[in-house]
């Protein structure tokens, strides 16, 4: 039997057999919803796991076992499902506030024991929520720690990368994605050369800002980043070079945080780990995260 298939099969099978049954929570006033997994023991904290853009909580649960491990450590695990949102993530952030308030009040967990993270758009949302919690002080909680898998962080870089994808016209998936996101970006915050203040306000990180833009608000929040450059995959499948990858902005932001004295900015760069549930290679995948490693890192910061 193919080893990768066996590992994937065993992981999915183990989740189906041993998982605490997720409870789906819905609301009358929004199409957004969430799943929660409550441990058998007294809850000691919570992890919010955010899906990538267009991804469902159910799909995420079939790709990781962080939730299984967390439940064993008496942590509540939440998987939000976003059917409604906006480019600035205002709707999503308010929904995270609502979820956290529900959980804290019902299960009596401490607000300072909430970790938040996700893949791609979910990672962006986790970082942005933390930055706004510090910058604007108008969120329900400030994350104890953040973990993110290959998130785009720099909207200025992202704008020009999307346009390169369109101009190159090498990959249909890349071109379609680029057309959609560039349209959304311009409608929400304009063009980077004409609307710089919007990019400074909304971007999670700006390489062209000496202080990194909003990244400066992460100095006191532990952050763990995973990325897989996958440069040969990018060249062969998307017609992209290294400068087009999320890895560039991720390493730039983490380096800046470290240079400014951040003690808990941890970066994990992996190779050939990205595999989608269907079995094909893709560096932008949940599989680049080591669930045991990530939980150990979260617990370390919960216990400090």
C-alpha atoms as a PDB file:
ATOM      1  CA  UNK A   1       0.000   0.000   0.000  1.00  0.00           C
ATOM      2  CA  UNK A   2       1.266   3.498  -0.803  1.00  0.00           C
ATOM      3  CA  UNK A   3       2.654   5.009   2.420  1.00  0.00           C
ATOM      4  CA  UNK A   4       1.116   8.457   1.899  1.00  0.00           C
ATOM      5  CA  UNK A   5      -2.271   6.879   1.208  1.00  0.00           C
ATOM      6  CA  UNK A   6      -1.956   4.714   4.315  1.00  0.00           C
ATOM      7  CA  UNK A   7      -1.095   7.691   6.526  1.00  0.00           C
ATOM      8  CA  UNK A   8      -3.985   9.730   5.101  1.00  0.00           C
ATOM      9  CA  UNK A   9      -6.409   6.812   5.468  1.00  0.00           C
ATOM     10  CA  UNK A  10      -5.325   6.061   9.027  1.00  0.00           C
ATOM     11  CA  UNK A  11      -5.623   9.701  10.063  1.00  0.00           C
ATOM     12  CA  UNK A  12      -9.138  10.053   8.640  1.00  0.00           C
ATOM     13  CA  UNK A  13     -10.170   6.684  10.078  1.00  0.00           C
ATOM     14  CA  UNK A  14      -8.794   7.583  13.502  1.00  0.00           C
ATOM     15  CA  UNK A  15     -10.717  10.854  13.492  1.00  0.00           C
ATOM     16  CA  UNK A  16     -13.956   9.090  12.595  1.00  0.00           C
ATOM     17  CA  UNK A  17     -13.523   6.547  15.384  1.00  0.00           C
ATOM     18  CA  UNK A  18     -12.059   8.559  18.226  1.00  0.00           C
ATOM     19  CA  UNK A  19     -13.288  12.126  17.738  1.00  0.00           C
ATOM     20  CA  UNK A  20     -15.603  13.821  20.176  1.00  0.00           C
ATOM     21  CA  UNK A  21     -18.757  14.409  18.161  1.00  0.00           C
ATOM     22  CA  UNK A  22     -18.752  17.995  16.844  1.00  0.00           C
ATOM     23  CA  UNK A  23     -21.899  19.999  17.586  1.00  0.00           C
ATOM     24  CA  UNK A  24     -23.079  22.382  14.869  1.00  0.00           C
ATOM     25  CA  UNK A  25     -24.307  25.778  16.094  1.00  0.00           C
ATOM     26  CA  UNK A  26     -26.462  27.860  13.750  1.00  0.00           C
ATOM     27  CA  UNK A  27     -28.170  31.247  14.026  1.00  0.00           C
ATOM     28  CA  UNK A  28     -31.338  32.793  12.631  1.00  0.00           C
ATOM     29  CA  UNK A  29     -29.758  36.129  11.737  1.00  0.00           C
ATOM     30  CA  UNK A  30     -26.681  34.953   9.808  1.00  0.00           C
ATOM     31  CA  UNK A  31     -25.778  32.083   7.460  1.00  0.00           C
ATOM     32  CA  UNK A  32     -22.466  31.748   9.319  1.00  0.00           C
ATOM     33  CA  UNK A  33     -22.205  28.882  11.776  1.00  0.00           C
ATOM     34  CA  UNK A  34     -19.667  26.935  13.764  1.00  0.00           C
ATOM     35  CA  UNK A  35     -18.840  23.492  15.087  1.00  0.00           C
ATOM     36  CA  UNK A  36     -17.625  23.007  18.612  1.00  0.00           C
ATOM     37  CA  UNK A  37     -15.947  20.027  20.217  1.00  0.00           C
ATOM     38  CA  UNK A  38     -16.203  19.928  24.008  1.00  0.00           C
ATOM     39  CA  UNK A  39     -13.705  17.783  25.942  1.00  0.00           C
ATOM     40  CA  UNK A  40     -14.815  15.268  28.530  1.00  0.00           C
ATOM     41  CA  UNK A  41     -12.941  17.058  31.323  1.00  0.00           C
ATOM     42  CA  UNK A  42     -13.273  20.645  32.557  1.00  0.00           C
ATOM     43  CA  UNK A  43     -12.348  22.946  29.637  1.00  0.00           C
ATOM     44  CA  UNK A  44      -9.085  24.777  30.201  1.00  0.00           C
ATOM     45  CA  UNK A  45      -9.088  26.938  27.087  1.00  0.00           C
ATOM     46  CA  UNK A  46     -10.054  27.059  23.422  1.00  0.00           C
ATOM     47  CA  UNK A  47      -8.550  26.776  19.959  1.00  0.00           C
ATOM     48  CA  UNK A  48     -10.351  28.421  17.040  1.00  0.00           C
ATOM     49  CA  UNK A  49      -9.412  26.754  13.738  1.00  0.00           C
ATOM     50  CA  UNK A  50     -10.310  28.883  10.718  1.00  0.00           C
ATOM     51  CA  UNK A  51     -10.846  27.379   7.236  1.00  0.00           C
ATOM     52  CA  UNK A  52      -9.247  28.700   4.090  1.00  0.00           C
ATOM     53  CA  UNK A  53     -11.278  30.743   1.617  1.00  0.00           C
ATOM     54  CA  UNK A  54     -14.215  28.739   0.277  1.00  0.00           C
ATOM     55  CA  UNK A  55     -13.377  25.814   2.561  1.00  0.00           C
ATOM     56  CA  UNK A  56     -15.875  24.203   4.929  1.00  0.00           C
ATOM     57  CA  UNK A  57     -15.234  23.179   8.548  1.00  0.00           C
ATOM     58  CA  UNK A  58     -16.093  19.611   7.590  1.00  0.00           C
ATOM     59  CA  UNK A  59     -13.285  19.536   5.032  1.00  0.00           C
ATOM     60  CA  UNK A  60     -10.826  20.953   7.550  1.00  0.00           C
ATOM     61  CA  UNK A  61     -11.786  18.345  10.151  1.00  0.00           C
ATOM     62  CA  UNK A  62     -10.954  15.620   7.646  1.00  0.00           C
ATOM     63  CA  UNK A  63      -7.431  16.959   7.095  1.00  0.00           C
ATOM     64  CA  UNK A  64      -6.014  17.552  10.577  1.00  0.00           C
ATOM     65  CA  UNK A  65      -6.013  15.931  13.985  1.00  0.00           C
ATOM     66  CA  UNK A  66      -5.197  19.022  16.025  1.00  0.00           C
ATOM     67  CA  UNK A  67      -8.768  18.931  17.317  1.00  0.00           C
ATOM     68  CA  UNK A  68      -8.379  15.331  18.515  1.00  0.00           C
ATOM     69  CA  UNK A  69      -5.192  16.127  20.388  1.00  0.00           C
ATOM     70  CA  UNK A  70      -6.617  19.346  21.847  1.00  0.00           C
ATOM     71  CA  UNK A  71      -9.727  17.605  23.184  1.00  0.00           C
ATOM     72  CA  UNK A  72      -7.490  15.117  24.977  1.00  0.00           C
ATOM     73  CA  UNK A  73      -5.873  18.114  26.722  1.00  0.00           C
ATOM     74  CA  UNK A  74      -9.288  19.441  27.807  1.00  0.00           C
ATOM     75  CA  UNK A  75      -9.392  22.234  25.259  1.00  0.00           C
ATOM     76  CA  UNK A  76     -12.551  23.282  23.436  1.00  0.00           C
ATOM     77  CA  UNK A  77     -12.083  23.337  19.676  1.00  0.00           C
ATOM     78  CA  UNK A  78     -14.148  25.547  17.384  1.00  0.00           C
ATOM     79  CA  UNK A  79     -14.397  25.419  13.584  1.00  0.00           C
ATOM     80  CA  UNK A  80     -16.210  28.505  12.184  1.00  0.00           C
ATOM     81  CA  UNK A  81     -18.027  28.221   8.873  1.00  0.00           C
ATOM     82  CA  UNK A  82     -18.276  31.415   6.849  1.00  0.00           C
ATOM     83  CA  UNK A  83     -21.088  31.745   4.343  1.00  0.00           C
ATOM     84  CA  UNK A  84     -21.037  35.541   4.643  1.00  0.00           C
ATOM     85  CA  UNK A  85     -18.030  37.852   4.792  1.00  0.00           C
ATOM     86  CA  UNK A  86     -16.268  40.825   3.269  1.00  0.00           C
ATOM     87  CA  UNK A  87     -12.792  41.677   2.023  1.00  0.00           C
ATOM     88  CA  UNK A  88     -11.944  43.718   5.119  1.00  0.00           C
ATOM     89  CA  UNK A  89     -13.012  40.749   7.275  1.00  0.00           C
ATOM     90  CA  UNK A  90     -15.276  42.913   9.440  1.00  0.00           C
ATOM     91  CA  UNK A  91     -18.146  40.405   9.271  1.00  0.00           C
ATOM     92  CA  UNK A  92     -15.842  37.496  10.041  1.00  0.00           C
ATOM     93  CA  UNK A  93     -14.182  39.264  12.983  1.00  0.00           C
ATOM     94  CA  UNK A  94     -17.537  40.122  14.529  1.00  0.00           C
ATOM     95  CA  UNK A  95     -18.619  36.510  14.124  1.00  0.00           C
ATOM     96  CA  UNK A  96     -15.473  35.349  15.923  1.00  0.00           C
ATOM     97  CA  UNK A  97     -16.382  37.760  18.738  1.00  0.00           C
ATOM     98  CA  UNK A  98     -19.823  36.178  18.896  1.00  0.00           C
ATOM     99  CA  UNK A  99     -18.452  32.645  19.001  1.00  0.00           C
ATOM    100  CA  UNK A 100     -15.914  33.473  21.698  1.00  0.00           C
ATOM    101  CA  UNK A 101     -18.527  35.191  23.836  1.00  0.00           C
ATOM    102  CA  UNK A 102     -20.853  32.178  23.523  1.00  0.00           C
ATOM    103  CA  UNK A 103     -18.121  29.742  24.529  1.00  0.00           C
ATOM    104  CA  UNK A 104     -16.655  31.825  27.360  1.00  0.00           C
ATOM    105  CA  UNK A 105     -20.035  32.470  28.959  1.00  0.00           C
ATOM    106  CA  UNK A 106     -21.386  28.939  28.559  1.00  0.00           C
ATOM    107  CA  UNK A 107     -18.285  26.936  29.385  1.00  0.00           C
ATOM    108  CA  UNK A 108     -16.534  29.375  31.747  1.00  0.00           C
ATOM    109  CA  UNK A 109     -13.136  29.307  30.070  1.00  0.00           C
ATOM    110  CA  UNK A 110     -10.639  32.146  30.645  1.00  0.00           C
ATOM    111  CA  UNK A 111     -10.509  34.743  27.854  1.00  0.00           C
ATOM    112  CA  UNK A 112      -6.722  34.736  28.031  1.00  0.00           C
ATOM    113  CA  UNK A 113      -6.577  31.073  27.015  1.00  0.00           C
ATOM    114  CA  UNK A 114      -7.833  31.359  23.431  1.00  0.00           C
ATOM    115  CA  UNK A 115      -5.562  30.475  20.498  1.00  0.00           C
ATOM    116  CA  UNK A 116      -6.584  31.186  16.923  1.00  0.00           C
ATOM    117  CA  UNK A 117      -5.221  30.056  13.585  1.00  0.00           C
ATOM    118  CA  UNK A 118      -5.923  28.793  10.113  1.00  0.00           C
ATOM    119  CA  UNK A 119      -4.843  28.132   6.554  1.00  0.00           C
ATOM    120  CA  UNK A 120      -4.551  30.839   3.907  1.00  0.00           C
ATOM    121  CA  UNK A 121      -7.531  33.181   4.363  1.00  0.00           C
ATOM    122  CA  UNK A 122      -8.092  31.640   7.795  1.00  0.00           C
ATOM    123  CA  UNK A 123      -4.510  32.495   8.714  1.00  0.00           C
ATOM    124  CA  UNK A 124      -4.990  36.030   7.425  1.00  0.00           C
ATOM    125  CA  UNK A 125      -8.091  36.409   9.575  1.00  0.00           C
ATOM    126  CA  UNK A 126      -6.274  35.085  12.651  1.00  0.00           C
ATOM    127  CA  UNK A 127      -3.428  37.566  12.214  1.00  0.00           C
ATOM    128  CA  UNK A 128      -5.740  40.462  11.426  1.00  0.00           C
ATOM    129  CA  UNK A 129      -7.991  39.728  14.411  1.00  0.00           C
ATOM    130  CA  UNK A 130      -4.957  39.825  16.711  1.00  0.00           C
ATOM    131  CA  UNK A 131      -3.640  43.053  15.209  1.00  0.00           C
ATOM    132  CA  UNK A 132      -7.000  44.810  15.527  1.00  0.00           C
ATOM    133  CA  UNK A 133      -7.415  43.508  19.074  1.00  0.00           C
ATOM    134  CA  UNK A 134      -4.221  45.386  19.990  1.00  0.00           C
ATOM    135  CA  UNK A 135      -4.578  48.373  17.650  1.00  0.00           C
ATOM    136  CA  UNK A 136      -8.245  49.233  18.113  1.00  0.00           C
ATOM    137  CA  UNK A 137      -9.003  47.427  21.391  1.00  0.00           C
ATOM    138  CA  UNK A 138     -12.553  46.666  20.253  1.00  0.00           C
ATOM    139  CA  UNK A 139     -12.551  42.859  19.950  1.00  0.00           C
ATOM    140  CA  UNK A 140     -14.048  40.466  22.493  1.00  0.00           C
ATOM    141  CA  UNK A 141     -10.670  38.918  23.253  1.00  0.00           C
ATOM    142  CA  UNK A 142      -6.990  39.256  22.466  1.00  0.00           C
ATOM    143  CA  UNK A 143      -5.565  35.935  21.257  1.00  0.00           C
ATOM    144  CA  UNK A 144      -3.153  34.222  23.585  1.00  0.00           C
ATOM    145  CA  UNK A 145      -1.321  32.967  20.493  1.00  0.00           C
ATOM    146  CA  UNK A 146      -1.695  32.715  16.712  1.00  0.00           C
ATOM    147  CA  UNK A 147      -0.782  29.980  14.251  1.00  0.00           C
ATOM    148  CA  UNK A 148      -1.082  30.416  10.496  1.00  0.00           C
ATOM    149  CA  UNK A 149      -0.413  28.238   7.463  1.00  0.00           C
ATOM    150  CA  UNK A 150       0.886  29.987   4.356  1.00  0.00           C
ATOM    151  CA  UNK A 151      -1.269  33.147   4.615  1.00  0.00           C
ATOM    152  CA  UNK A 152      -0.948  36.027   2.146  1.00  0.00           C
ATOM    153  CA  UNK A 153      -0.033  38.961   4.391  1.00  0.00           C
ATOM    154  CA  UNK A 154       1.031  41.893   2.217  1.00  0.00           C
ATOM    155  CA  UNK A 155      -1.850  43.305   0.139  1.00  0.00           C
ATOM    156  CA  UNK A 156       0.468  45.526  -1.889  1.00  0.00           C
ATOM    157  CA  UNK A 157       2.602  42.548  -2.932  1.00  0.00           C
ATOM    158  CA  UNK A 158      -0.541  40.487  -3.445  1.00  0.00           C
ATOM    159  CA  UNK A 159      -2.056  43.060  -5.818  1.00  0.00           C
ATOM    160  CA  UNK A 160       0.962  43.022  -8.131  1.00  0.00           C
ATOM    161  CA  UNK A 161       1.283  39.230  -7.927  1.00  0.00           C
ATOM    162  CA  UNK A 162      -2.353  38.777  -8.973  1.00  0.00           C
ATOM    163  CA  UNK A 163      -1.802  41.030 -11.938  1.00  0.00           C
ATOM    164  CA  UNK A 164       1.298  39.053 -12.948  1.00  0.00           C
ATOM    165  CA  UNK A 165      -0.779  35.857 -12.877  1.00  0.00           C
ATOM    166  CA  UNK A 166      -3.314  37.462 -15.202  1.00  0.00           C
ATOM    167  CA  UNK A 167      -0.639  38.803 -17.570  1.00  0.00           C
ATOM    168  CA  UNK A 168       1.247  35.508 -17.744  1.00  0.00           C
ATOM    169  CA  UNK A 169      -1.957  33.569 -18.425  1.00  0.00           C
ATOM    170  CA  UNK A 170      -0.087  30.346 -17.645  1.00  0.00           C
ATOM    171  CA  UNK A 171      -2.525  28.568 -15.365  1.00  0.00           C
ATOM    172  CA  UNK A 172      -6.316  28.671 -15.582  1.00  0.00           C
ATOM    173  CA  UNK A 173      -6.790  28.206 -11.796  1.00  0.00           C
ATOM    174  CA  UNK A 174      -4.238  30.952 -11.084  1.00  0.00           C
ATOM    175  CA  UNK A 175      -5.807  33.352 -13.613  1.00  0.00           C
ATOM    176  CA  UNK A 176      -9.362  32.757 -12.383  1.00  0.00           C
ATOM    177  CA  UNK A 177      -8.318  33.220  -8.768  1.00  0.00           C
ATOM    178  CA  UNK A 178      -6.338  36.354  -9.646  1.00  0.00           C
ATOM    179  CA  UNK A 179      -9.221  37.966 -11.515  1.00  0.00           C
ATOM    180  CA  UNK A 180     -11.615  37.309  -8.637  1.00  0.00           C
ATOM    181  CA  UNK A 181      -9.348  38.528  -5.837  1.00  0.00           C
ATOM    182  CA  UNK A 182      -7.963  41.567  -7.675  1.00  0.00           C
ATOM    183  CA  UNK A 183     -11.522  42.713  -8.377  1.00  0.00           C
ATOM    184  CA  UNK A 184     -12.499  42.231  -4.723  1.00  0.00           C
ATOM    185  CA  UNK A 185      -9.377  44.044  -3.549  1.00  0.00           C
ATOM    186  CA  UNK A 186      -9.795  47.076  -5.798  1.00  0.00           C
ATOM    187  CA  UNK A 187     -13.484  47.412  -4.944  1.00  0.00           C
ATOM    188  CA  UNK A 188     -12.728  47.259  -1.211  1.00  0.00           C
ATOM    189  CA  UNK A 189      -9.518  49.287  -0.822  1.00  0.00           C
ATOM    190  CA  UNK A 190      -8.614  50.690  -4.243  1.00  0.00           C
ATOM    191  CA  UNK A 191      -5.227  50.613  -5.992  1.00  0.00           C
ATOM    192  CA  UNK A 192      -1.989  50.550  -3.981  1.00  0.00           C
ATOM    193  CA  UNK A 193      -0.445  53.533  -5.780  1.00  0.00           C
ATOM    194  CA  UNK A 194      -3.533  55.722  -5.297  1.00  0.00           C
ATOM    195  CA  UNK A 195      -4.967  54.479  -1.990  1.00  0.00           C
ATOM    196  CA  UNK A 196      -1.906  53.827   0.145  1.00  0.00           C
ATOM    197  CA  UNK A 197      -3.613  54.688   3.427  1.00  0.00           C
ATOM    198  CA  UNK A 198      -6.158  51.922   2.812  1.00  0.00           C
ATOM    199  CA  UNK A 199      -3.392  49.398   2.241  1.00  0.00           C
ATOM    200  CA  UNK A 200      -1.614  50.490   5.410  1.00  0.00           C
ATOM    201  CA  UNK A 201      -4.831  50.144   7.399  1.00  0.00           C
ATOM    202  CA  UNK A 202      -6.043  46.822   5.985  1.00  0.00           C
ATOM    203  CA  UNK A 203      -2.916  44.836   5.176  1.00  0.00           C
ATOM    204  CA  UNK A 204      -1.590  42.479   7.840  1.00  0.00           C
ATOM    205  CA  UNK A 205       1.979  43.375   6.850  1.00  0.00           C
ATOM    206  CA  UNK A 206       3.551  45.821   4.432  1.00  0.00           C
ATOM    207  CA  UNK A 207       7.139  45.249   3.409  1.00  0.00           C
ATOM    208  CA  UNK A 208       7.389  48.810   2.123  1.00  0.00           C
ATOM    209  CA  UNK A 209       6.531  50.242   5.554  1.00  0.00           C
ATOM    210  CA  UNK A 210       9.588  50.490   7.796  1.00  0.00           C
ATOM    211  CA  UNK A 211       7.649  49.235  10.830  1.00  0.00           C
ATOM    212  CA  UNK A 212       5.827  46.531   8.857  1.00  0.00           C
ATOM    213  CA  UNK A 213       2.491  48.311   9.061  1.00  0.00           C
ATOM    214  CA  UNK A 214       0.018  46.465  11.259  1.00  0.00           C
ATOM    215  CA  UNK A 215       2.603  43.770  12.003  1.00  0.00           C
ATOM    216  CA  UNK A 216       3.959  46.005  14.767  1.00  0.00           C
ATOM    217  CA  UNK A 217       0.865  45.179  16.825  1.00  0.00           C
ATOM    218  CA  UNK A 218       1.946  41.530  17.042  1.00  0.00           C
ATOM    219  CA  UNK A 219       5.004  42.199  19.192  1.00  0.00           C
ATOM    220  CA  UNK A 220       3.477  40.803  22.386  1.00  0.00           C
ATOM    221  CA  UNK A 221       1.493  37.918  20.873  1.00  0.00           C
ATOM    222  CA  UNK A 222       3.214  34.575  20.218  1.00  0.00           C
ATOM    223  CA  UNK A 223       2.938  33.637  16.549  1.00  0.00           C
ATOM    224  CA  UNK A 224       3.740  30.407  14.717  1.00  0.00           C
ATOM    225  CA  UNK A 225       3.950  30.376  10.921  1.00  0.00           C
ATOM    226  CA  UNK A 226       4.120  27.400   8.576  1.00  0.00           C
ATOM    227  CA  UNK A 227       5.017  27.741   4.920  1.00  0.00           C
ATOM    228  CA  UNK A 228       6.136  25.511   2.068  1.00  0.00           C
ATOM    229  CA  UNK A 229       7.724  27.471  -0.802  1.00  0.00           C
ATOM    230  CA  UNK A 230       7.197  24.590  -3.260  1.00  0.00           C
ATOM    231  CA  UNK A 231       8.984  26.590  -5.913  1.00  0.00           C
ATOM    232  CA  UNK A 232       9.224  23.807  -8.523  1.00  0.00           C
ATOM    233  CA  UNK A 233       5.509  23.056  -8.034  1.00  0.00           C
ATOM    234  CA  UNK A 234       4.721  26.771  -8.400  1.00  0.00           C
ATOM    235  CA  UNK A 235       6.787  27.089 -11.579  1.00  0.00           C
ATOM    236  CA  UNK A 236       5.402  23.934 -13.187  1.00  0.00           C
ATOM    237  CA  UNK A 237       1.762  24.295 -12.117  1.00  0.00           C
ATOM    238  CA  UNK A 238       1.184  28.056 -11.785  1.00  0.00           C
ATOM    239  CA  UNK A 239       3.969  29.699 -13.774  1.00  0.00           C
ATOM    240  CA  UNK A 240       5.113  31.569 -10.674  1.00  0.00           C
ATOM    241  CA  UNK A 241       8.579  32.348  -9.367  1.00  0.00           C
ATOM    242  CA  UNK A 242       9.699  32.591  -5.757  1.00  0.00           C
ATOM    243  CA  UNK A 243       8.711  36.241  -5.518  1.00  0.00           C
ATOM    244  CA  UNK A 244       5.097  35.253  -6.206  1.00  0.00           C
ATOM    245  CA  UNK A 245       4.864  32.909  -3.213  1.00  0.00           C
ATOM    246  CA  UNK A 246       3.418  33.735   0.213  1.00  0.00           C
ATOM    247  CA  UNK A 247       6.735  32.576   1.660  1.00  0.00           C
ATOM    248  CA  UNK A 248       8.334  35.901   0.733  1.00  0.00           C
ATOM    249  CA  UNK A 249       6.036  38.045   2.893  1.00  0.00           C
ATOM    250  CA  UNK A 250       5.865  35.471   5.692  1.00  0.00           C
ATOM    251  CA  UNK A 251       9.635  35.290   6.113  1.00  0.00           C
ATOM    252  CA  UNK A 252       9.956  39.073   5.760  1.00  0.00           C
ATOM    253  CA  UNK A 253       7.408  39.722   8.511  1.00  0.00           C
ATOM    254  CA  UNK A 254       8.806  37.100  10.857  1.00  0.00           C
ATOM    255  CA  UNK A 255      12.326  38.404  10.319  1.00  0.00           C
ATOM    256  CA  UNK A 256      11.199  41.960  11.074  1.00  0.00           C
ATOM    257  CA  UNK A 257       9.450  40.842  14.278  1.00  0.00           C
ATOM    258  CA  UNK A 258      12.583  39.027  15.412  1.00  0.00           C
ATOM    259  CA  UNK A 259      14.808  42.000  14.592  1.00  0.00           C
ATOM    260  CA  UNK A 260      12.528  44.185  16.694  1.00  0.00           C
ATOM    261  CA  UNK A 261      12.887  41.826  19.646  1.00  0.00           C
ATOM    262  CA  UNK A 262       9.869  39.511  19.399  1.00  0.00           C
ATOM    263  CA  UNK A 263      10.754  36.473  21.544  1.00  0.00           C
ATOM    264  CA  UNK A 264       8.001  34.132  20.358  1.00  0.00           C
ATOM    265  CA  UNK A 265       7.877  34.527  16.571  1.00  0.00           C
ATOM    266  CA  UNK A 266       8.433  30.988  15.314  1.00  0.00           C
ATOM    267  CA  UNK A 267       8.744  30.056  11.647  1.00  0.00           C
ATOM    268  CA  UNK A 268       8.560  26.525  10.231  1.00  0.00           C
ATOM    269  CA  UNK A 269       9.538  26.059   6.583  1.00  0.00           C
ATOM    270  CA  UNK A 270       8.786  22.601   5.189  1.00  0.00           C
ATOM    271  CA  UNK A 271       9.482  20.803   1.932  1.00  0.00           C
ATOM    272  CA  UNK A 272       7.319  18.337  -0.008  1.00  0.00           C
ATOM    273  CA  UNK A 273       4.792  18.031   2.811  1.00  0.00           C
ATOM    274  CA  UNK A 274       1.864  19.731   1.097  1.00  0.00           C
ATOM    275  CA  UNK A 275      -0.699  17.154  -0.025  1.00  0.00           C
ATOM    276  CA  UNK A 276      -4.429  17.698  -0.531  1.00  0.00           C
ATOM    277  CA  UNK A 277      -6.947  15.103   0.783  1.00  0.00           C
ATOM    278  CA  UNK A 278      -7.433  13.796  -2.764  1.00  0.00           C
ATOM    279  CA  UNK A 279      -3.778  12.759  -2.755  1.00  0.00           C
ATOM    280  CA  UNK A 280      -2.196  15.304  -5.111  1.00  0.00           C
ATOM    281  CA  UNK A 281       0.698  17.636  -4.298  1.00  0.00           C
ATOM    282  CA  UNK A 282      -0.099  21.208  -3.351  1.00  0.00           C
ATOM    283  CA  UNK A 283       2.135  23.283  -1.055  1.00  0.00           C
ATOM    284  CA  UNK A 284      -0.818  25.428   0.045  1.00  0.00           C
ATOM    285  CA  UNK A 285      -2.393  22.729   2.229  1.00  0.00           C
ATOM    286  CA  UNK A 286      -3.238  21.852   5.833  1.00  0.00           C
ATOM    287  CA  UNK A 287      -0.755  18.981   5.678  1.00  0.00           C
ATOM    288  CA  UNK A 288       2.205  21.368   6.019  1.00  0.00           C
ATOM    289  CA  UNK A 289       1.271  21.714   9.706  1.00  0.00           C
ATOM    290  CA  UNK A 290       2.425  19.157  12.264  1.00  0.00           C
ATOM    291  CA  UNK A 291      -0.608  18.925  14.581  1.00  0.00           C
ATOM    292  CA  UNK A 292       1.367  17.569  17.548  1.00  0.00           C
ATOM    293  CA  UNK A 293       4.005  20.259  17.194  1.00  0.00           C
ATOM    294  CA  UNK A 294       1.377  22.985  16.869  1.00  0.00           C
ATOM    295  CA  UNK A 295      -0.558  21.836  19.959  1.00  0.00           C
ATOM    296  CA  UNK A 296       2.642  21.592  22.011  1.00  0.00           C
ATOM    297  CA  UNK A 297       3.453  25.168  20.992  1.00  0.00           C
ATOM    298  CA  UNK A 298      -0.057  26.388  21.922  1.00  0.00           C
ATOM    299  CA  UNK A 299       0.013  24.646  25.306  1.00  0.00           C
ATOM    300  CA  UNK A 300       3.418  26.122  26.065  1.00  0.00           C
ATOM    301  CA  UNK A 301       1.995  29.612  25.702  1.00  0.00           C
ATOM    302  CA  UNK A 302      -1.228  28.758  27.560  1.00  0.00           C
ATOM    303  CA  UNK A 303       0.905  27.673  30.501  1.00  0.00           C
ATOM    304  CA  UNK A 304       3.245  30.657  30.641  1.00  0.00           C
END
